[in-house]
Amino acid sequence: MYRGGHLYGTGNPAQLTPHEARTRAFTPRRRGVDPHEVRQFQALVADELTDLHAQVRQLAEENERLKRALRDWQSMHARECRPPNSGHW
């Protein structure tokens, strides 16, 4: 329910795309960092995002497949089951 003191949001959170990670520009500062290192790190982050987005997509598809299978099983099982008695309760 909570993560880091905050409620989980509902729906899909906004996703950072690999392209955004690769192309993000930063304002230069007086004591800046090596731009080459920044670009290497951005490429690493973008590659991880690509992998994570693929995993999320795959897991969502598997989740839908399992939901359908469960619904099918429940429907089949409900047709085969009869109430244990025909009494008032």
C-alpha atoms as a PDB file:
ATOM      1  CA  MET A   1       0.000   0.000   0.000  1.00  0.00           C
ATOM      2  CA  TYR A   2       2.780   2.441   0.864  1.00  0.00           C
ATOM      3  CA  ARG A   3       6.174   2.930  -0.649  1.00  0.00           C
ATOM      4  CA  GLY A   4       8.544   5.461   0.783  1.00  0.00           C
ATOM      5  CA  GLY A   5       5.766   6.945   2.899  1.00  0.00           C
ATOM      6  CA  HIS A   6       3.497   7.582  -0.086  1.00  0.00           C
ATOM      7  CA  LEU A   7       0.422   5.756  -1.315  1.00  0.00           C
ATOM      8  CA  TYR A   8       0.814   3.781  -4.510  1.00  0.00           C
ATOM      9  CA  GLY A   9      -0.832   5.598  -7.370  1.00  0.00           C
ATOM     10  CA  THR A  10      -3.532   4.057  -9.474  1.00  0.00           C
ATOM     11  CA  GLY A  11      -3.240   3.443 -13.157  1.00  0.00           C
ATOM     12  CA  ASN A  12      -0.032   3.539 -15.136  1.00  0.00           C
ATOM     13  CA  PRO A  13       2.598   6.003 -14.003  1.00  0.00           C
ATOM     14  CA  ALA A  14       4.186   8.299 -16.554  1.00  0.00           C
ATOM     15  CA  GLN A  15       7.091   6.445 -18.123  1.00  0.00           C
ATOM     16  CA  LEU A  16      10.413   7.886 -19.086  1.00  0.00           C
ATOM     17  CA  THR A  17      11.233   6.679 -22.554  1.00  0.00           C
ATOM     18  CA  PRO A  18      14.693   5.488 -23.561  1.00  0.00           C
ATOM     19  CA  HIS A  19      14.792   8.275 -26.164  1.00  0.00           C
ATOM     20  CA  GLU A  20      14.164  10.892 -23.462  1.00  0.00           C
ATOM     21  CA  ALA A  21      16.949   9.444 -21.324  1.00  0.00           C
ATOM     22  CA  ARG A  22      19.387   9.485 -24.242  1.00  0.00           C
ATOM     23  CA  THR A  23      18.601  12.997 -25.453  1.00  0.00           C
ATOM     24  CA  ARG A  24      18.088  14.884 -22.193  1.00  0.00           C
ATOM     25  CA  ALA A  25      20.218  18.044 -22.147  1.00  0.00           C
ATOM     26  CA  PHE A  26      21.456  19.668 -18.956  1.00  0.00           C
ATOM     27  CA  THR A  27      22.343  23.276 -18.301  1.00  0.00           C
ATOM     28  CA  PRO A  28      26.111  23.689 -18.065  1.00  0.00           C
ATOM     29  CA  ARG A  29      27.440  24.866 -14.726  1.00  0.00           C
ATOM     30  CA  ARG A  30      30.701  26.369 -13.632  1.00  0.00           C
ATOM     31  CA  ARG A  31      31.980  23.094 -12.206  1.00  0.00           C
ATOM     32  CA  GLY A  32      30.248  20.750 -14.575  1.00  0.00           C
ATOM     33  CA  VAL A  33      30.825  17.086 -15.282  1.00  0.00           C
ATOM     34  CA  ASP A  34      32.392  15.353 -18.255  1.00  0.00           C
ATOM     35  CA  PRO A  35      29.750  15.380 -21.021  1.00  0.00           C
ATOM     36  CA  HIS A  36      31.090  12.080 -22.382  1.00  0.00           C
ATOM     37  CA  GLU A  37      30.498  10.365 -19.024  1.00  0.00           C
ATOM     38  CA  VAL A  38      27.012  11.830 -18.853  1.00  0.00           C
ATOM     39  CA  ARG A  39      26.194  10.494 -22.326  1.00  0.00           C
ATOM     40  CA  GLN A  40      27.549   7.046 -21.409  1.00  0.00           C
ATOM     41  CA  PHE A  41      25.400   7.000 -18.282  1.00  0.00           C
ATOM     42  CA  GLN A  42      22.349   8.154 -20.247  1.00  0.00           C
ATOM     43  CA  ALA A  43      22.909   5.344 -22.736  1.00  0.00           C
ATOM     44  CA  LEU A  44      23.101   2.832 -19.871  1.00  0.00           C
ATOM     45  CA  VAL A  45      19.881   4.157 -18.337  1.00  0.00           C
ATOM     46  CA  ALA A  46      18.137   4.130 -21.716  1.00  0.00           C
ATOM     47  CA  ASP A  47      19.163   0.503 -22.312  1.00  0.00           C
ATOM     48  CA  GLU A  48      17.805  -0.486 -18.901  1.00  0.00           C
ATOM     49  CA  LEU A  49      14.563   1.357 -19.614  1.00  0.00           C
ATOM     50  CA  THR A  50      14.207  -0.512 -22.893  1.00  0.00           C
ATOM     51  CA  ASP A  51      14.615  -3.833 -21.077  1.00  0.00           C
ATOM     52  CA  LEU A  52      12.230  -2.835 -18.283  1.00  0.00           C
ATOM     53  CA  HIS A  53       9.534  -1.663 -20.697  1.00  0.00           C
ATOM     54  CA  ALA A  54       9.785  -4.989 -22.543  1.00  0.00           C
ATOM     55  CA  GLN A  55       9.499  -6.906 -19.264  1.00  0.00           C
ATOM     56  CA  VAL A  56       6.463  -4.880 -18.179  1.00  0.00           C
ATOM     57  CA  ARG A  57       4.793  -5.506 -21.536  1.00  0.00           C
ATOM     58  CA  GLN A  58       5.552  -9.239 -21.311  1.00  0.00           C
ATOM     59  CA  LEU A  59       4.263  -9.486 -17.743  1.00  0.00           C
ATOM     60  CA  ALA A  60       1.078  -7.601 -18.630  1.00  0.00           C
ATOM     61  CA  GLU A  61       0.439 -10.060 -21.476  1.00  0.00           C
ATOM     62  CA  GLU A  62       1.081 -13.020 -19.177  1.00  0.00           C
ATOM     63  CA  ASN A  63      -1.201 -11.512 -16.551  1.00  0.00           C
ATOM     64  CA  GLU A  64      -4.012 -11.194 -19.088  1.00  0.00           C
ATOM     65  CA  ARG A  65      -3.454 -14.780 -20.252  1.00  0.00           C
ATOM     66  CA  LEU A  66      -3.643 -16.054 -16.659  1.00  0.00           C
ATOM     67  CA  LYS A  67      -6.795 -14.035 -15.974  1.00  0.00           C
ATOM     68  CA  ARG A  68      -8.478 -15.534 -19.041  1.00  0.00           C
ATOM     69  CA  ALA A  69      -7.402 -19.043 -18.035  1.00  0.00           C
ATOM     70  CA  LEU A  70      -8.719 -18.543 -14.504  1.00  0.00           C
ATOM     71  CA  ARG A  71     -12.050 -17.208 -15.781  1.00  0.00           C
ATOM     72  CA  ASP A  72     -12.364 -20.183 -18.130  1.00  0.00           C
ATOM     73  CA  TRP A  73     -11.551 -22.618 -15.317  1.00  0.00           C
ATOM     74  CA  GLN A  74     -14.021 -20.934 -12.963  1.00  0.00           C
ATOM     75  CA  SER A  75     -16.773 -21.049 -15.593  1.00  0.00           C
ATOM     76  CA  MET A  76     -16.136 -24.725 -16.289  1.00  0.00           C
ATOM     77  CA  HIS A  77     -15.976 -25.570 -12.584  1.00  0.00           C
ATOM     78  CA  ALA A  78     -19.162 -23.625 -11.797  1.00  0.00           C
ATOM     79  CA  ARG A  79     -21.107 -25.609 -14.420  1.00  0.00           C
ATOM     80  CA  GLU A  80     -19.918 -28.917 -12.969  1.00  0.00           C
ATOM     81  CA  CYS A  81     -20.575 -28.098  -9.307  1.00  0.00           C
ATOM     82  CA  ARG A  82     -23.955 -28.456  -7.735  1.00  0.00           C
ATOM     83  CA  PRO A  83     -24.988 -27.108  -4.339  1.00  0.00           C
ATOM     84  CA  PRO A  84     -24.326 -29.712  -1.614  1.00  0.00           C
ATOM     85  CA  ASN A  85     -28.009 -29.840  -0.701  1.00  0.00           C
ATOM     86  CA  SER A  86     -31.261 -28.288  -1.735  1.00  0.00           C
ATOM     87  CA  GLY A  87     -32.177 -27.172   1.770  1.00  0.00           C
ATOM     88  CA  HIS A  88     -33.007 -23.731   3.011  1.00  0.00           C
ATOM     89  CA  TRP A  89     -29.419 -22.906   3.915  1.00  0.00           C
END
